[in-house]
Amino acid sequence: MREQLGFLGLAKRAGKLSAGEDAVEAALQTGKVRLLILAADAGDKTVRHMEHRSQGRLPILYLQSDKQTLGSALGWASCAVAAMTDLKMSIALAEKMVRCDASHRPVLEALIEKQDKIAARKQRKPGKHSK
């Protein structure tokens, strides 16, 4: 689990991860969120709110780590919720999680499906300079 938490810290430093309820809410409003991440001891209200905001379209990664451990990985005292805004980094994190716990496989599959849809859409879209 240490590797996955380190990866979250790297994503935050790269500007690809929003952490904390306000930052995640702002990222959700922009439509750039690819993966929601919840600490194991996130409050019921937070969990329900994030599940509602995902509307079944965004995969949610439920960590086994508590808020203090997640927060520590991100340079904070505590953090209950985070959001990954980069699809490739989301897939990389999900792959790392699946190696530790196969129960995260549906999250990985949802992210790969999203990546495939984006790739198919780009192939159908004509180039800007084609006539």
C-alpha atoms as a PDB file:
ATOM      1  CA  MET A   1       0.000   0.000   0.000  1.00  0.00           C
ATOM      2  CA  ARG A   2       2.969   2.294   0.585  1.00  0.00           C
ATOM      3  CA  GLU A   3       3.730   2.339  -3.165  1.00  0.00           C
ATOM      4  CA  GLN A   4       0.166   3.400  -4.014  1.00  0.00           C
ATOM      5  CA  LEU A   5       0.176   6.172  -1.431  1.00  0.00           C
ATOM      6  CA  GLY A   6       3.529   7.389  -2.721  1.00  0.00           C
ATOM      7  CA  PHE A   7       2.044   7.447  -6.210  1.00  0.00           C
ATOM      8  CA  LEU A   8      -0.809   9.647  -4.926  1.00  0.00           C
ATOM      9  CA  GLY A   9       1.747  12.080  -3.517  1.00  0.00           C
ATOM     10  CA  LEU A  10       3.529  12.128  -6.871  1.00  0.00           C
ATOM     11  CA  ALA A  11       0.235  12.809  -8.678  1.00  0.00           C
ATOM     12  CA  LYS A  12      -0.510  15.697  -6.305  1.00  0.00           C
ATOM     13  CA  ARG A  13       2.919  17.232  -6.908  1.00  0.00           C
ATOM     14  CA  ALA A  14       2.350  16.847 -10.666  1.00  0.00           C
ATOM     15  CA  GLY A  15      -0.937  18.755 -10.365  1.00  0.00           C
ATOM     16  CA  LYS A  16      -3.017  15.744 -11.403  1.00  0.00           C
ATOM     17  CA  LEU A  17      -4.718  15.169  -8.039  1.00  0.00           C
ATOM     18  CA  SER A  18      -7.137  17.371  -6.136  1.00  0.00           C
ATOM     19  CA  ALA A  19      -7.422  16.664  -2.417  1.00  0.00           C
ATOM     20  CA  GLY A  20     -10.001  17.693   0.152  1.00  0.00           C
ATOM     21  CA  GLU A  21     -13.731  18.107  -0.261  1.00  0.00           C
ATOM     22  CA  ASP A  22     -13.650  21.678  -1.596  1.00  0.00           C
ATOM     23  CA  ALA A  23     -10.914  20.986  -4.156  1.00  0.00           C
ATOM     24  CA  VAL A  24     -12.599  17.764  -5.282  1.00  0.00           C
ATOM     25  CA  GLU A  25     -15.933  19.531  -5.618  1.00  0.00           C
ATOM     26  CA  ALA A  26     -14.295  22.242  -7.755  1.00  0.00           C
ATOM     27  CA  ALA A  27     -12.634  19.586  -9.934  1.00  0.00           C
ATOM     28  CA  LEU A  28     -15.963  17.777 -10.333  1.00  0.00           C
ATOM     29  CA  GLN A  29     -17.571  20.999 -11.536  1.00  0.00           C
ATOM     30  CA  THR A  30     -14.942  21.355 -14.270  1.00  0.00           C
ATOM     31  CA  GLY A  31     -15.683  17.818 -15.504  1.00  0.00           C
ATOM     32  CA  LYS A  32     -12.015  16.828 -15.431  1.00  0.00           C
ATOM     33  CA  VAL A  33     -12.203  14.177 -12.692  1.00  0.00           C
ATOM     34  CA  ARG A  34     -11.372  10.648 -13.867  1.00  0.00           C
ATOM     35  CA  LEU A  35     -11.245   8.831 -10.515  1.00  0.00           C
ATOM     36  CA  LEU A  36     -12.583   9.549  -7.039  1.00  0.00           C
ATOM     37  CA  ILE A  37     -10.575   8.251  -4.083  1.00  0.00           C
ATOM     38  CA  LEU A  38     -12.050   7.796  -0.604  1.00  0.00           C
ATOM     39  CA  ALA A  39     -10.263   6.958   2.645  1.00  0.00           C
ATOM     40  CA  ALA A  40     -11.521   3.935   4.574  1.00  0.00           C
ATOM     41  CA  ASP A  41     -12.791   6.064   7.442  1.00  0.00           C
ATOM     42  CA  ALA A  42     -14.330   8.862   5.368  1.00  0.00           C
ATOM     43  CA  GLY A  43     -17.564  10.034   6.950  1.00  0.00           C
ATOM     44  CA  ASP A  44     -20.876   8.615   5.777  1.00  0.00           C
ATOM     45  CA  LYS A  45     -21.996  12.037   4.566  1.00  0.00           C
ATOM     46  CA  THR A  46     -18.812  12.460   2.503  1.00  0.00           C
ATOM     47  CA  VAL A  47     -19.118   8.967   1.019  1.00  0.00           C
ATOM     48  CA  ARG A  48     -22.795   9.464   0.120  1.00  0.00           C
ATOM     49  CA  HIS A  49     -22.086  12.884  -1.383  1.00  0.00           C
ATOM     50  CA  MET A  50     -19.223  11.611  -3.544  1.00  0.00           C
ATOM     51  CA  GLU A  51     -21.212   8.566  -4.656  1.00  0.00           C
ATOM     52  CA  HIS A  52     -24.081  10.878  -5.615  1.00  0.00           C
ATOM     53  CA  ARG A  53     -21.750  13.282  -7.451  1.00  0.00           C
ATOM     54  CA  SER A  54     -20.180  10.429  -9.419  1.00  0.00           C
ATOM     55  CA  GLN A  55     -23.663   9.487 -10.695  1.00  0.00           C
ATOM     56  CA  GLY A  56     -22.310   6.045 -11.528  1.00  0.00           C
ATOM     57  CA  ARG A  57     -20.139   7.541 -14.295  1.00  0.00           C
ATOM     58  CA  LEU A  58     -16.957   8.003 -12.293  1.00  0.00           C
ATOM     59  CA  PRO A  59     -15.196   5.047 -10.725  1.00  0.00           C
ATOM     60  CA  ILE A  60     -14.573   5.340  -7.004  1.00  0.00           C
ATOM     61  CA  LEU A  61     -11.508   3.794  -5.408  1.00  0.00           C
ATOM     62  CA  TYR A  62     -12.201   2.904  -1.784  1.00  0.00           C
ATOM     63  CA  LEU A  63      -8.853   2.785  -0.003  1.00  0.00           C
ATOM     64  CA  GLN A  64      -8.058   0.579   2.956  1.00  0.00           C
ATOM     65  CA  SER A  65      -5.990   3.436   4.399  1.00  0.00           C
ATOM     66  CA  ASP A  66      -7.476   5.880   6.873  1.00  0.00           C
ATOM     67  CA  LYS A  67      -7.713   9.668   6.522  1.00  0.00           C
ATOM     68  CA  GLN A  68      -4.481  10.299   8.422  1.00  0.00           C
ATOM     69  CA  THR A  69      -2.501   7.892   6.215  1.00  0.00           C
ATOM     70  CA  LEU A  70      -3.958   9.350   3.017  1.00  0.00           C
ATOM     71  CA  GLY A  71      -3.373  12.878   4.279  1.00  0.00           C
ATOM     72  CA  SER A  72       0.208  12.066   5.220  1.00  0.00           C
ATOM     73  CA  ALA A  73       0.868  10.775   1.685  1.00  0.00           C
ATOM     74  CA  LEU A  74      -0.411  14.092   0.334  1.00  0.00           C
ATOM     75  CA  GLY A  75       1.455  16.299   2.792  1.00  0.00           C
ATOM     76  CA  TRP A  76      -1.580  17.013   4.972  1.00  0.00           C
ATOM     77  CA  ALA A  77      -2.599  15.988   8.460  1.00  0.00           C
ATOM     78  CA  SER A  78      -5.769  14.316   7.212  1.00  0.00           C
ATOM     79  CA  CYS A  79      -7.650  13.836   3.941  1.00  0.00           C
ATOM     80  CA  ALA A  80     -10.868  11.877   3.363  1.00  0.00           C
ATOM     81  CA  VAL A  81     -11.359  12.388  -0.368  1.00  0.00           C
ATOM     82  CA  ALA A  82      -9.228  13.029  -3.432  1.00  0.00           C
ATOM     83  CA  ALA A  83      -9.810  13.131  -7.175  1.00  0.00           C
ATOM     84  CA  MET A  84      -7.417  12.152  -9.949  1.00  0.00           C
ATOM     85  CA  THR A  85      -7.768  14.357 -13.019  1.00  0.00           C
ATOM     86  CA  ASP A  86      -5.426  12.469 -15.337  1.00  0.00           C
ATOM     87  CA  LEU A  87      -6.710   9.270 -16.965  1.00  0.00           C
ATOM     88  CA  LYS A  88      -3.319   7.622 -17.507  1.00  0.00           C
ATOM     89  CA  MET A  89      -2.292   8.254 -13.918  1.00  0.00           C
ATOM     90  CA  SER A  90      -5.677   6.949 -12.753  1.00  0.00           C
ATOM     91  CA  ILE A  91      -5.103   3.727 -14.686  1.00  0.00           C
ATOM     92  CA  ALA A  92      -1.581   3.400 -13.292  1.00  0.00           C
ATOM     93  CA  LEU A  93      -2.899   3.814  -9.734  1.00  0.00           C
ATOM     94  CA  ALA A  94      -5.688   1.294 -10.321  1.00  0.00           C
ATOM     95  CA  GLU A  95      -3.165  -1.212 -11.712  1.00  0.00           C
ATOM     96  CA  LYS A  96      -1.059  -0.796  -8.569  1.00  0.00           C
ATOM     97  CA  MET A  97      -4.148  -1.293  -6.417  1.00  0.00           C
ATOM     98  CA  VAL A  98      -5.186  -4.449  -8.298  1.00  0.00           C
ATOM     99  CA  ARG A  99      -1.751  -5.962  -7.666  1.00  0.00           C
ATOM    100  CA  CYS A 100      -2.421  -5.663  -3.915  1.00  0.00           C
ATOM    101  CA  ASP A 101      -6.133  -6.424  -3.925  1.00  0.00           C
ATOM    102  CA  ALA A 102      -8.047  -7.909  -6.867  1.00  0.00           C
ATOM    103  CA  SER A 103     -11.300  -6.390  -5.601  1.00  0.00           C
ATOM    104  CA  HIS A 104     -10.228  -3.127  -7.284  1.00  0.00           C
ATOM    105  CA  ARG A 105     -10.364  -4.736 -10.750  1.00  0.00           C
ATOM    106  CA  PRO A 106     -13.789  -3.182 -11.653  1.00  0.00           C
ATOM    107  CA  VAL A 107     -12.278   0.278 -11.123  1.00  0.00           C
ATOM    108  CA  LEU A 108      -9.390  -0.557 -13.441  1.00  0.00           C
ATOM    109  CA  GLU A 109     -11.745  -1.997 -16.061  1.00  0.00           C
ATOM    110  CA  ALA A 110     -13.960   1.113 -15.947  1.00  0.00           C
ATOM    111  CA  LEU A 111     -10.937   3.362 -16.462  1.00  0.00           C
ATOM    112  CA  ILE A 112      -9.627   1.284 -19.365  1.00  0.00           C
ATOM    113  CA  GLU A 113     -13.091   1.335 -20.939  1.00  0.00           C
ATOM    114  CA  LYS A 114     -13.117   5.129 -20.639  1.00  0.00           C
ATOM    115  CA  GLN A 115      -9.661   5.309 -22.254  1.00  0.00           C
ATOM    116  CA  ASP A 116     -10.840   3.098 -25.127  1.00  0.00           C
ATOM    117  CA  LYS A 117     -13.921   5.279 -25.689  1.00  0.00           C
ATOM    118  CA  ILE A 118     -11.778   8.401 -25.818  1.00  0.00           C
ATOM    119  CA  ALA A 119      -9.374   6.759 -28.276  1.00  0.00           C
ATOM    120  CA  ALA A 120     -12.261   5.617 -30.506  1.00  0.00           C
ATOM    121  CA  ARG A 121     -13.765   9.110 -30.450  1.00  0.00           C
ATOM    122  CA  LYS A 122     -10.425  10.638 -31.459  1.00  0.00           C
ATOM    123  CA  GLN A 123     -10.120   8.211 -34.377  1.00  0.00           C
ATOM    124  CA  ARG A 124     -13.573   9.127 -35.686  1.00  0.00           C
ATOM    125  CA  LYS A 125     -12.940  12.839 -35.352  1.00  0.00           C
ATOM    126  CA  PRO A 126     -11.511  14.350 -38.558  1.00  0.00           C
ATOM    127  CA  GLY A 127      -8.255  16.275 -38.222  1.00  0.00           C
ATOM    128  CA  LYS A 128      -8.365  20.033 -37.993  1.00  0.00           C
ATOM    129  CA  HIS A 129      -6.469  20.450 -41.244  1.00  0.00           C
ATOM    130  CA  SER A 130      -8.103  17.752 -43.358  1.00  0.00           C
ATOM    131  CA  LYS A 131     -10.270  18.820 -46.274  1.00  0.00           C
END
